[in-house]
Amino acid sequence: MVNDMKDTFFNRADRAKQFAPFDALRGLREELAKREKIVMDKIDLSEDMKEEIDYTLHSIRPNDIITVIYYSKGEYIKKCGMVSKFSATNRTIKIVDTIINFDDIVKIEI
């Protein structure tokens, strides 16, 4: 009797596996999502917008919390976080672990 119960339990467990989600092609969903991305051209900023961004960049210090919208690989990305590194000579800013070139910034807020 006990063996019959164990067999029934394991059979049910084995049967349940056939209904579990199955991803036959690992990474397919992620690749399809990448292809759904709409590629955009980079916006040409006006001189006023460039000056505003430049002014804001000069007031940023490490450990400031900022929000940046920047252009990367055909899309615009919004990144919020703490400034971990700022390099005026390399014209880059590092927010947490993302390095952003000054020329790719469209909007920045402290």
PDB file of N, CA and C in Angstrom:
ATOM      1  N   MET A   1       0.823  -1.200   0.000  1.00  0.00           N
ATOM      2  CA  MET A   1       0.000   0.000   0.000  1.00  0.00           C
ATOM      3  C   MET A   1       0.860   1.254   0.000  1.00  0.00           C
ATOM      4  N   VAL A   2       1.886   1.271   0.861  1.00  0.00           N
ATOM      5  CA  VAL A   2       2.774   2.425   0.938  1.00  0.00           C
ATOM      6  C   VAL A   2       3.515   2.605  -0.381  1.00  0.00           C
ATOM      7  N   ASN A   3       3.978   1.531  -0.960  1.00  0.00           N
ATOM      8  CA  ASN A   3       4.672   1.612  -2.247  1.00  0.00           C
ATOM      9  C   ASN A   3       3.745   2.134  -3.337  1.00  0.00           C
ATOM     10  N   ASP A   4       2.475   1.732  -3.296  1.00  0.00           N
ATOM     11  CA  ASP A   4       1.511   2.224  -4.277  1.00  0.00           C
ATOM     12  C   ASP A   4       1.339   3.724  -4.167  1.00  0.00           C
ATOM     13  N   MET A   5       1.324   4.238  -2.924  1.00  0.00           N
ATOM     14  CA  MET A   5       1.171   5.685  -2.709  1.00  0.00           C
ATOM     15  C   MET A   5       2.396   6.427  -3.224  1.00  0.00           C
ATOM     16  N   LYS A   6       3.592   5.881  -2.955  1.00  0.00           N
ATOM     17  CA  LYS A   6       4.817   6.515  -3.447  1.00  0.00           C
ATOM     18  C   LYS A   6       4.825   6.533  -4.973  1.00  0.00           C
ATOM     19  N   ASP A   7       4.467   5.403  -5.579  1.00  0.00           N
ATOM     20  CA  ASP A   7       4.435   5.327  -7.032  1.00  0.00           C
ATOM     21  C   ASP A   7       3.455   6.342  -7.610  1.00  0.00           C
ATOM     22  N   THR A   8       2.305   6.482  -6.974  1.00  0.00           N
ATOM     23  CA  THR A   8       1.297   7.428  -7.438  1.00  0.00           C
ATOM     24  C   THR A   8       1.822   8.845  -7.333  1.00  0.00           C
ATOM     25  N   PHE A   9       2.483   9.161  -6.206  1.00  0.00           N
ATOM     26  CA  PHE A   9       3.030  10.512  -6.010  1.00  0.00           C
ATOM     27  C   PHE A   9       4.078  10.836  -7.073  1.00  0.00           C
ATOM     28  N   PHE A  10       5.025   9.917  -7.294  1.00  0.00           N
ATOM     29  CA  PHE A  10       6.083  10.167  -8.257  1.00  0.00           C
ATOM     30  C   PHE A  10       5.540  10.226  -9.677  1.00  0.00           C
ATOM     31  N   ASN A  11       4.563   9.401  -9.967  1.00  0.00           N
ATOM     32  CA  ASN A  11       3.963   9.441 -11.297  1.00  0.00           C
ATOM     33  C   ASN A  11       3.290  10.787 -11.540  1.00  0.00           C
ATOM     34  N   ARG A  12       2.613  11.292 -10.534  1.00  0.00           N
ATOM     35  CA  ARG A  12       1.968  12.604 -10.680  1.00  0.00           C
ATOM     36  C   ARG A  12       3.015  13.698 -10.867  1.00  0.00           C
ATOM     37  N   ALA A  13       4.092  13.615 -10.100  1.00  0.00           N
ATOM     38  CA  ALA A  13       5.162  14.610 -10.229  1.00  0.00           C
ATOM     39  C   ALA A  13       5.777  14.551 -11.624  1.00  0.00           C
ATOM     40  N   ASP A  14       6.010  13.329 -12.105  1.00  0.00           N
ATOM     41  CA  ASP A  14       6.558  13.179 -13.450  1.00  0.00           C
ATOM     42  C   ASP A  14       5.589  13.701 -14.508  1.00  0.00           C
ATOM     43  N   ARG A  15       4.327  13.436 -14.304  1.00  0.00           N
ATOM     44  CA  ARG A  15       3.315  13.898 -15.250  1.00  0.00           C
ATOM     45  C   ARG A  15       3.234  15.420 -15.246  1.00  0.00           C
ATOM     46  N   ALA A  16       3.403  16.037 -14.083  1.00  0.00           N
ATOM     47  CA  ALA A  16       3.318  17.497 -13.983  1.00  0.00           C
ATOM     48  C   ALA A  16       4.448  18.176 -14.754  1.00  0.00           C
ATOM     49  N   LYS A  17       5.593  17.519 -14.869  1.00  0.00           N
ATOM     50  CA  LYS A  17       6.732  18.105 -15.581  1.00  0.00           C
ATOM     51  C   LYS A  17       6.406  18.405 -17.038  1.00  0.00           C
ATOM     52  N   GLN A  18       5.540  17.610 -17.630  1.00  0.00           N
ATOM     53  CA  GLN A  18       5.233  17.820 -19.036  1.00  0.00           C
ATOM     54  C   GLN A  18       4.464  19.103 -19.287  1.00  0.00           C
ATOM     55  N   PHE A  19       3.857  19.653 -18.231  1.00  0.00           N
ATOM     56  CA  PHE A  19       3.095  20.889 -18.376  1.00  0.00           C
ATOM     57  C   PHE A  19       3.885  22.119 -17.943  1.00  0.00           C
ATOM     58  N   ALA A  20       5.111  21.939 -17.490  1.00  0.00           N
ATOM     59  CA  ALA A  20       5.951  23.056 -17.070  1.00  0.00           C
ATOM     60  C   ALA A  20       6.367  23.851 -18.303  1.00  0.00           C
ATOM     61  N   PRO A  21       6.589  25.168 -18.156  1.00  0.00           N
ATOM     62  CA  PRO A  21       7.031  25.971 -19.303  1.00  0.00           C
ATOM     63  C   PRO A  21       8.371  25.453 -19.828  1.00  0.00           C
ATOM     64  N   PHE A  22       8.518  25.483 -21.124  1.00  0.00           N
ATOM     65  CA  PHE A  22       9.728  24.970 -21.751  1.00  0.00           C
ATOM     66  C   PHE A  22      10.236  25.988 -22.757  1.00  0.00           C
ATOM     67  N   ASP A  23      11.482  26.373 -22.609  1.00  0.00           N
ATOM     68  CA  ASP A  23      12.103  27.324 -23.531  1.00  0.00           C
ATOM     69  C   ASP A  23      13.099  26.541 -24.390  1.00  0.00           C
ATOM     70  N   ALA A  24      12.623  26.062 -25.520  1.00  0.00           N
ATOM     71  CA  ALA A  24      13.447  25.192 -26.368  1.00  0.00           C
ATOM     72  C   ALA A  24      14.679  25.912 -26.901  1.00  0.00           C
ATOM     73  N   LEU A  25      14.546  27.171 -27.224  1.00  0.00           N
ATOM     74  CA  LEU A  25      15.678  27.947 -27.745  1.00  0.00           C
ATOM     75  C   LEU A  25      16.049  29.013 -26.736  1.00  0.00           C
ATOM     76  N   ARG A  26      16.975  28.679 -25.891  1.00  0.00           N
ATOM     77  CA  ARG A  26      17.378  29.581 -24.822  1.00  0.00           C
ATOM     78  C   ARG A  26      17.875  30.904 -25.404  1.00  0.00           C
ATOM     79  N   GLY A  27      17.337  32.006 -24.908  1.00  0.00           N
ATOM     80  CA  GLY A  27      17.746  33.329 -25.358  1.00  0.00           C
ATOM     81  C   GLY A  27      16.956  33.855 -26.543  1.00  0.00           C
ATOM     82  N   LEU A  28      16.053  33.038 -27.085  1.00  0.00           N
ATOM     83  CA  LEU A  28      15.275  33.471 -28.242  1.00  0.00           C
ATOM     84  C   LEU A  28      14.410  34.679 -27.916  1.00  0.00           C
ATOM     85  N   ARG A  29      13.756  34.648 -26.780  1.00  0.00           N
ATOM     86  CA  ARG A  29      12.885  35.775 -26.399  1.00  0.00           C
ATOM     87  C   ARG A  29      13.672  37.075 -26.284  1.00  0.00           C
ATOM     88  N   GLU A  30      14.872  37.003 -25.707  1.00  0.00           N
ATOM     89  CA  GLU A  30      15.698  38.194 -25.555  1.00  0.00           C
ATOM     90  C   GLU A  30      16.131  38.732 -26.921  1.00  0.00           C
ATOM     91  N   GLU A  31      16.513  37.842 -27.825  1.00  0.00           N
ATOM     92  CA  GLU A  31      16.917  38.266 -29.168  1.00  0.00           C
ATOM     93  C   GLU A  31      15.760  38.889 -29.929  1.00  0.00           C
ATOM     94  N   LEU A  32      14.580  38.314 -29.791  1.00  0.00           N
ATOM     95  CA  LEU A  32      13.412  38.887 -30.451  1.00  0.00           C
ATOM     96  C   LEU A  32      13.090  40.262 -29.890  1.00  0.00           C
ATOM     97  N   ALA A  33      13.244  40.429 -28.582  1.00  0.00           N
ATOM     98  CA  ALA A  33      13.002  41.739 -27.969  1.00  0.00           C
ATOM     99  C   ALA A  33      13.982  42.776 -28.501  1.00  0.00           C
ATOM    100  N   LYS A  34      15.229  42.377 -28.719  1.00  0.00           N
ATOM    101  CA  LYS A  34      16.226  43.304 -29.271  1.00  0.00           C
ATOM    102  C   LYS A  34      15.823  43.755 -30.676  1.00  0.00           C
ATOM    103  N   ARG A  35      15.292  42.849 -31.450  1.00  0.00           N
ATOM    104  CA  ARG A  35      14.907  43.177 -32.823  1.00  0.00           C
ATOM    105  C   ARG A  35      13.655  44.042 -32.877  1.00  0.00           C
ATOM    106  N   GLU A  36      12.882  44.051 -31.794  1.00  0.00           N
ATOM    107  CA  GLU A  36      11.690  44.888 -31.745  1.00  0.00           C
ATOM    108  C   GLU A  36      12.038  46.347 -31.486  1.00  0.00           C
ATOM    109  N   LYS A  37      13.263  46.604 -31.065  1.00  0.00           N
ATOM    110  CA  LYS A  37      13.700  47.954 -30.747  1.00  0.00           C
ATOM    111  C   LYS A  37      13.663  48.824 -31.995  1.00  0.00           C
ATOM    112  N   ILE A  38      13.141  50.005 -31.852  1.00  0.00           N
ATOM    113  CA  ILE A  38      13.097  50.958 -32.953  1.00  0.00           C
ATOM    114  C   ILE A  38      14.376  51.784 -32.915  1.00  0.00           C
ATOM    115  N   VAL A  39      15.165  51.668 -33.954  1.00  0.00           N
ATOM    116  CA  VAL A  39      16.431  52.398 -34.028  1.00  0.00           C
ATOM    117  C   VAL A  39      16.139  53.838 -34.427  1.00  0.00           C
ATOM    118  N   MET A  40      16.730  54.763 -33.678  1.00  0.00           N
ATOM    119  CA  MET A  40      16.511  56.196 -33.914  1.00  0.00           C
ATOM    120  C   MET A  40      17.832  56.856 -34.263  1.00  0.00           C
ATOM    121  N   ASP A  41      17.742  57.920 -35.030  1.00  0.00           N
ATOM    122  CA  ASP A  41      18.919  58.736 -35.311  1.00  0.00           C
ATOM    123  C   ASP A  41      19.161  59.666 -34.127  1.00  0.00           C
ATOM    124  N   LYS A  42      20.412  60.055 -33.964  1.00  0.00           N
ATOM    125  CA  LYS A  42      20.780  60.959 -32.884  1.00  0.00           C
ATOM    126  C   LYS A  42      20.260  62.367 -33.190  1.00  0.00           C
ATOM    127  N   ILE A  43      19.689  62.996 -32.181  1.00  0.00           N
ATOM    128  CA  ILE A  43      19.143  64.348 -32.309  1.00  0.00           C
ATOM    129  C   ILE A  43      20.287  65.358 -32.320  1.00  0.00           C
ATOM    130  N   ASP A  44      20.213  66.344 -33.219  1.00  0.00           N
ATOM    131  CA  ASP A  44      21.171  67.448 -33.201  1.00  0.00           C
ATOM    132  C   ASP A  44      20.650  68.493 -32.218  1.00  0.00           C
ATOM    133  N   LEU A  45      21.442  68.768 -31.203  1.00  0.00           N
ATOM    134  CA  LEU A  45      21.035  69.732 -30.179  1.00  0.00           C
ATOM    135  C   LEU A  45      21.289  71.157 -30.640  1.00  0.00           C
ATOM    136  N   SER A  46      20.422  72.056 -30.192  1.00  0.00           N
ATOM    137  CA  SER A  46      20.635  73.477 -30.477  1.00  0.00           C
ATOM    138  C   SER A  46      21.780  73.977 -29.606  1.00  0.00           C
ATOM    139  N   GLU A  47      22.312  75.130 -29.947  1.00  0.00           N
ATOM    140  CA  GLU A  47      23.404  75.714 -29.159  1.00  0.00           C
ATOM    141  C   GLU A  47      22.961  76.011 -27.731  1.00  0.00           C
ATOM    142  N   ASP A  48      21.712  76.448 -27.558  1.00  0.00           N
ATOM    143  CA  ASP A  48      21.195  76.720 -26.217  1.00  0.00           C
ATOM    144  C   ASP A  48      21.150  75.449 -25.369  1.00  0.00           C
ATOM    145  N   MET A  49      20.710  74.351 -25.978  1.00  0.00           N
ATOM    146  CA  MET A  49      20.647  73.086 -25.252  1.00  0.00           C
ATOM    147  C   MET A  49      22.042  72.602 -24.884  1.00  0.00           C
ATOM    148  N   LYS A  50      22.998  72.764 -25.801  1.00  0.00           N
ATOM    149  CA  LYS A  50      24.377  72.370 -25.524  1.00  0.00           C
ATOM    150  C   LYS A  50      24.963  73.175 -24.371  1.00  0.00           C
ATOM    151  N   GLU A  51      24.684  74.485 -24.358  1.00  0.00           N
ATOM    152  CA  GLU A  51      25.174  75.340 -23.279  1.00  0.00           C
ATOM    153  C   GLU A  51      24.561  74.947 -21.941  1.00  0.00           C
ATOM    154  N   GLU A  52      23.273  74.635 -21.943  1.00  0.00           N
ATOM    155  CA  GLU A  52      22.595  74.229 -20.704  1.00  0.00           C
ATOM    156  C   GLU A  52      23.198  72.931 -20.157  1.00  0.00           C
ATOM    157  N   ILE A  53      23.441  71.971 -21.039  1.00  0.00           N
ATOM    158  CA  ILE A  53      24.054  70.708 -20.624  1.00  0.00           C
ATOM    159  C   ILE A  53      25.465  70.953 -20.104  1.00  0.00           C
ATOM    160  N   ASP A  54      26.224  71.782 -20.796  1.00  0.00           N
ATOM    161  CA  ASP A  54      27.592  72.103 -20.387  1.00  0.00           C
ATOM    162  C   ASP A  54      27.615  72.771 -19.012  1.00  0.00           C
ATOM    163  N   TYR A  55      26.692  73.696 -18.796  1.00  0.00           N
ATOM    164  CA  TYR A  55      26.609  74.388 -17.506  1.00  0.00           C
ATOM    165  C   TYR A  55      26.297  73.389 -16.387  1.00  0.00           C
ATOM    166  N   THR A  56      25.347  72.502 -16.639  1.00  0.00           N
ATOM    167  CA  THR A  56      24.973  71.509 -15.631  1.00  0.00           C
ATOM    168  C   THR A  56      26.124  70.546 -15.364  1.00  0.00           C
ATOM    169  N   LEU A  57      26.828  70.135 -16.418  1.00  0.00           N
ATOM    170  CA  LEU A  57      27.960  69.224 -16.244  1.00  0.00           C
ATOM    171  C   LEU A  57      29.054  69.826 -15.367  1.00  0.00           C
ATOM    172  N   HIS A  58      29.275  71.124 -15.515  1.00  0.00           N
ATOM    173  CA  HIS A  58      30.319  71.771 -14.719  1.00  0.00           C
ATOM    174  C   HIS A  58      29.945  71.913 -13.249  1.00  0.00           C
ATOM    175  N   SER A  59      28.682  71.743 -12.917  1.00  0.00           N
ATOM    176  CA  SER A  59      28.273  71.853 -11.518  1.00  0.00           C
ATOM    177  C   SER A  59      28.153  70.487 -10.833  1.00  0.00           C
ATOM    178  N   ILE A  60      28.398  69.421 -11.555  1.00  0.00           N
ATOM    179  CA  ILE A  60      28.281  68.067 -10.994  1.00  0.00           C
ATOM    180  C   ILE A  60      29.555  67.691 -10.247  1.00  0.00           C
ATOM    181  N   ARG A  61      29.354  67.043  -9.124  1.00  0.00           N
ATOM    182  CA  ARG A  61      30.456  66.543  -8.302  1.00  0.00           C
ATOM    183  C   ARG A  61      30.241  65.052  -8.058  1.00  0.00           C
ATOM    184  N   PRO A  62      31.325  64.313  -7.795  1.00  0.00           N
ATOM    185  CA  PRO A  62      31.155  62.898  -7.440  1.00  0.00           C
ATOM    186  C   PRO A  62      30.198  62.746  -6.247  1.00  0.00           C
ATOM    187  N   ASN A  63      29.429  61.689  -6.261  1.00  0.00           N
ATOM    188  CA  ASN A  63      28.414  61.338  -5.260  1.00  0.00           C
ATOM    189  C   ASN A  63      27.110  62.110  -5.420  1.00  0.00           C
ATOM    190  N   ASP A  64      27.008  63.017  -6.398  1.00  0.00           N
ATOM    191  CA  ASP A  64      25.715  63.647  -6.698  1.00  0.00           C
ATOM    192  C   ASP A  64      24.791  62.594  -7.307  1.00  0.00           C
ATOM    193  N   ILE A  65      23.514  62.720  -7.029  1.00  0.00           N
ATOM    194  CA  ILE A  65      22.512  61.859  -7.654  1.00  0.00           C
ATOM    195  C   ILE A  65      21.952  62.628  -8.848  1.00  0.00           C
ATOM    196  N   ILE A  66      22.069  62.035 -10.040  1.00  0.00           N
ATOM    197  CA  ILE A  66      21.631  62.730 -11.251  1.00  0.00           C
ATOM    198  C   ILE A  66      20.774  61.805 -12.127  1.00  0.00           C
ATOM    199  N   THR A  67      20.075  62.436 -13.057  1.00  0.00           N
ATOM    200  CA  THR A  67      19.320  61.726 -14.083  1.00  0.00           C
ATOM    201  C   THR A  67      19.821  62.217 -15.432  1.00  0.00           C
ATOM    202  N   VAL A  68      20.187  61.264 -16.296  1.00  0.00           N
ATOM    203  CA  VAL A  68      20.736  61.601 -17.606  1.00  0.00           C
ATOM    204  C   VAL A  68      19.952  60.850 -18.684  1.00  0.00           C
ATOM    205  N   ILE A  69      19.616  61.553 -19.744  1.00  0.00           N
ATOM    206  CA  ILE A  69      19.085  60.911 -20.940  1.00  0.00           C
ATOM    207  C   ILE A  69      20.177  61.018 -21.984  1.00  0.00           C
ATOM    208  N   TYR A  70      20.595  59.864 -22.523  1.00  0.00           N
ATOM    209  CA  TYR A  70      21.708  59.853 -23.466  1.00  0.00           C
ATOM    210  C   TYR A  70      21.447  58.880 -24.610  1.00  0.00           C
ATOM    211  N   TYR A  71      22.186  59.074 -25.683  1.00  0.00           N
ATOM    212  CA  TYR A  71      22.056  58.263 -26.890  1.00  0.00           C
ATOM    213  C   TYR A  71      23.093  57.148 -26.871  1.00  0.00           C
ATOM    214  N   SER A  72      22.635  55.905 -27.119  1.00  0.00           N
ATOM    215  CA  SER A  72      23.561  54.778 -27.159  1.00  0.00           C
ATOM    216  C   SER A  72      23.025  53.706 -28.095  1.00  0.00           C
ATOM    217  N   LYS A  73      23.796  53.368 -29.099  1.00  0.00           N
ATOM    218  CA  LYS A  73      23.483  52.269 -30.019  1.00  0.00           C
ATOM    219  C   LYS A  73      22.078  52.353 -30.612  1.00  0.00           C
ATOM    220  N   GLY A  74      21.710  53.524 -31.091  1.00  0.00           N
ATOM    221  CA  GLY A  74      20.449  53.676 -31.795  1.00  0.00           C
ATOM    222  C   GLY A  74      19.231  53.904 -30.932  1.00  0.00           C
ATOM    223  N   GLU A  75      19.412  54.132 -29.640  1.00  0.00           N
ATOM    224  CA  GLU A  75      18.270  54.390 -28.773  1.00  0.00           C
ATOM    225  C   GLU A  75      18.635  55.392 -27.685  1.00  0.00           C
ATOM    226  N   TYR A  76      17.618  55.991 -27.098  1.00  0.00           N
ATOM    227  CA  TYR A  76      17.818  56.918 -25.992  1.00  0.00           C
ATOM    228  C   TYR A  76      17.536  56.194 -24.690  1.00  0.00           C
ATOM    229  N   ILE A  77      18.443  56.356 -23.744  1.00  0.00           N
ATOM    230  CA  ILE A  77      18.358  55.662 -22.464  1.00  0.00           C
ATOM    231  C   ILE A  77      18.320  56.692 -21.347  1.00  0.00           C
ATOM    232  N   LYS A  78      17.481  56.424 -20.344  1.00  0.00           N
ATOM    233  CA  LYS A  78      17.405  57.282 -19.162  1.00  0.00           C
ATOM    234  C   LYS A  78      18.070  56.539 -18.014  1.00  0.00           C
ATOM    235  N   LYS A  79      19.070  57.163 -17.409  1.00  0.00           N
ATOM    236  CA  LYS A  79      19.832  56.547 -16.328  1.00  0.00           C
ATOM    237  C   LYS A  79      19.792  57.452 -15.110  1.00  0.00           C
ATOM    238  N   CYS A  80      19.396  56.911 -13.973  1.00  0.00           N
ATOM    239  CA  CYS A  80      19.389  57.644 -12.711  1.00  0.00           C
ATOM    240  C   CYS A  80      20.373  56.962 -11.776  1.00  0.00           C
ATOM    241  N   GLY A  81      21.143  57.758 -11.052  1.00  0.00           N
ATOM    242  CA  GLY A  81      22.067  57.152 -10.104  1.00  0.00           C
ATOM    243  C   GLY A  81      23.101  58.132  -9.601  1.00  0.00           C
ATOM    244  N   MET A  82      24.040  57.591  -8.833  1.00  0.00           N
ATOM    245  CA  MET A  82      25.092  58.392  -8.219  1.00  0.00           C
ATOM    246  C   MET A  82      26.291  58.492  -9.147  1.00  0.00           C
ATOM    247  N   VAL A  83      26.840  59.677  -9.233  1.00  0.00           N
ATOM    248  CA  VAL A  83      28.040  59.904 -10.040  1.00  0.00           C
ATOM    249  C   VAL A  83      29.226  59.291  -9.302  1.00  0.00           C
ATOM    250  N   SER A  84      29.859  58.313  -9.941  1.00  0.00           N
ATOM    251  CA  SER A  84      31.011  57.680  -9.308  1.00  0.00           C
ATOM    252  C   SER A  84      32.327  58.220  -9.856  1.00  0.00           C
ATOM    253  N   LYS A  85      32.270  58.809 -11.067  1.00  0.00           N
ATOM    254  CA  LYS A  85      33.488  59.394 -11.640  1.00  0.00           C
ATOM    255  C   LYS A  85      33.098  60.444 -12.669  1.00  0.00           C
ATOM    256  N   PHE A  86      33.873  61.507 -12.699  1.00  0.00           N
ATOM    257  CA  PHE A  86      33.648  62.599 -13.634  1.00  0.00           C
ATOM    258  C   PHE A  86      34.996  62.982 -14.219  1.00  0.00           C
ATOM    259  N   SER A  87      35.129  62.925 -15.553  1.00  0.00           N
ATOM    260  CA  SER A  87      36.394  63.250 -16.193  1.00  0.00           C
ATOM    261  C   SER A  87      36.171  64.287 -17.282  1.00  0.00           C
ATOM    262  N   ALA A  88      36.585  65.522 -16.999  1.00  0.00           N
ATOM    263  CA  ALA A  88      36.458  66.592 -17.991  1.00  0.00           C
ATOM    264  C   ALA A  88      37.449  66.384 -19.132  1.00  0.00           C
ATOM    265  N   THR A  89      38.611  65.798 -18.860  1.00  0.00           N
ATOM    266  CA  THR A  89      39.611  65.581 -19.905  1.00  0.00           C
ATOM    267  C   THR A  89      39.162  64.498 -20.895  1.00  0.00           C
ATOM    268  N   ASN A  90      38.556  63.431 -20.403  1.00  0.00           N
ATOM    269  CA  ASN A  90      38.042  62.364 -21.279  1.00  0.00           C
ATOM    270  C   ASN A  90      36.628  62.647 -21.768  1.00  0.00           C
ATOM    271  N   ARG A  91      36.014  63.671 -21.219  1.00  0.00           N
ATOM    272  CA  ARG A  91      34.640  64.071 -21.543  1.00  0.00           C
ATOM    273  C   ARG A  91      33.649  62.925 -21.310  1.00  0.00           C
ATOM    274  N   THR A  92      33.814  62.293 -20.114  1.00  0.00           N
ATOM    275  CA  THR A  92      32.924  61.208 -19.731  1.00  0.00           C
ATOM    276  C   THR A  92      32.454  61.390 -18.288  1.00  0.00           C
ATOM    277  N   ILE A  93      31.312  60.800 -18.025  1.00  0.00           N
ATOM    278  CA  ILE A  93      30.776  60.769 -16.677  1.00  0.00           C
ATOM    279  C   ILE A  93      30.366  59.334 -16.399  1.00  0.00           C
ATOM    280  N   LYS A  94      30.642  58.856 -15.200  1.00  0.00           N
ATOM    281  CA  LYS A  94      30.302  57.485 -14.837  1.00  0.00           C
ATOM    282  C   LYS A  94      29.213  57.531 -13.774  1.00  0.00           C
ATOM    283  N   ILE A  95      28.066  56.932 -14.113  1.00  0.00           N
ATOM    284  CA  ILE A  95      26.961  56.831 -13.170  1.00  0.00           C
ATOM    285  C   ILE A  95      26.864  55.369 -12.772  1.00  0.00           C
ATOM    286  N   VAL A  96      27.127  55.095 -11.526  1.00  0.00           N
ATOM    287  CA  VAL A  96      27.225  53.740 -10.985  1.00  0.00           C
ATOM    288  C   VAL A  96      28.242  52.965 -11.821  1.00  0.00           C
ATOM    289  N   ASP A  97      27.823  52.155 -12.779  1.00  0.00           N
ATOM    290  CA  ASP A  97      28.774  51.395 -13.599  1.00  0.00           C
ATOM    291  C   ASP A  97      28.646  51.692 -15.089  1.00  0.00           C
ATOM    292  N   THR A  98      27.921  52.757 -15.432  1.00  0.00           N
ATOM    293  CA  THR A  98      27.721  53.137 -16.828  1.00  0.00           C
ATOM    294  C   THR A  98      28.533  54.379 -17.161  1.00  0.00           C
ATOM    295  N   ILE A  99      29.376  54.276 -18.178  1.00  0.00           N
ATOM    296  CA  ILE A  99      30.178  55.414 -18.621  1.00  0.00           C
ATOM    297  C   ILE A  99      29.462  56.070 -19.797  1.00  0.00           C
ATOM    298  N   ILE A 100      29.246  57.381 -19.685  1.00  0.00           N
ATOM    299  CA  ILE A 100      28.511  58.130 -20.700  1.00  0.00           C
ATOM    300  C   ILE A 100      29.398  59.243 -21.234  1.00  0.00           C
ATOM    301  N   ASN A 101      29.473  59.342 -22.550  1.00  0.00           N
ATOM    302  CA  ASN A 101      30.235  60.401 -23.199  1.00  0.00           C
ATOM    303  C   ASN A 101      29.414  61.701 -23.162  1.00  0.00           C
ATOM    304  N   PHE A 102      30.055  62.813 -22.895  1.00  0.00           N
ATOM    305  CA  PHE A 102      29.364  64.106 -22.847  1.00  0.00           C
ATOM    306  C   PHE A 102      28.584  64.380 -24.136  1.00  0.00           C
ATOM    307  N   ASP A 103      29.138  63.993 -25.276  1.00  0.00           N
ATOM    308  CA  ASP A 103      28.516  64.286 -26.562  1.00  0.00           C
ATOM    309  C   ASP A 103      27.223  63.501 -26.801  1.00  0.00           C
ATOM    310  N   ASP A 104      27.000  62.449 -26.029  1.00  0.00           N
ATOM    311  CA  ASP A 104      25.793  61.631 -26.177  1.00  0.00           C
ATOM    312  C   ASP A 104      24.659  62.089 -25.267  1.00  0.00           C
ATOM    313  N   ILE A 105      24.920  63.021 -24.375  1.00  0.00           N
ATOM    314  CA  ILE A 105      23.912  63.482 -23.423  1.00  0.00           C
ATOM    315  C   ILE A 105      22.944  64.430 -24.096  1.00  0.00           C
ATOM    316  N   VAL A 106      21.660  64.182 -23.883  1.00  0.00           N
ATOM    317  CA  VAL A 106      20.594  65.022 -24.429  1.00  0.00           C
ATOM    318  C   VAL A 106      19.978  65.879 -23.331  1.00  0.00           C
ATOM    319  N   LYS A 107      19.872  65.314 -22.128  1.00  0.00           N
ATOM    320  CA  LYS A 107      19.297  66.031 -20.987  1.00  0.00           C
ATOM    321  C   LYS A 107      19.947  65.518 -19.717  1.00  0.00           C
ATOM    322  N   ILE A 108      20.148  66.432 -18.786  1.00  0.00           N
ATOM    323  CA  ILE A 108      20.761  66.056 -17.514  1.00  0.00           C
ATOM    324  C   ILE A 108      20.148  66.903 -16.400  1.00  0.00           C
ATOM    325  N   GLU A 109      19.850  66.228 -15.281  1.00  0.00           N
ATOM    326  CA  GLU A 109      19.283  66.905 -14.112  1.00  0.00           C
ATOM    327  C   GLU A 109      19.991  66.447 -12.859  1.00  0.00           C
ATOM    328  N   ILE A 110      20.236  67.389 -11.962  1.00  0.00           N
ATOM    329  CA  ILE A 110      20.856  67.046 -10.676  1.00  0.00           C
ATOM    330  C   ILE A 110      19.755  66.866  -9.653  1.00  0.00           C
TER     331      ILE A 110
END
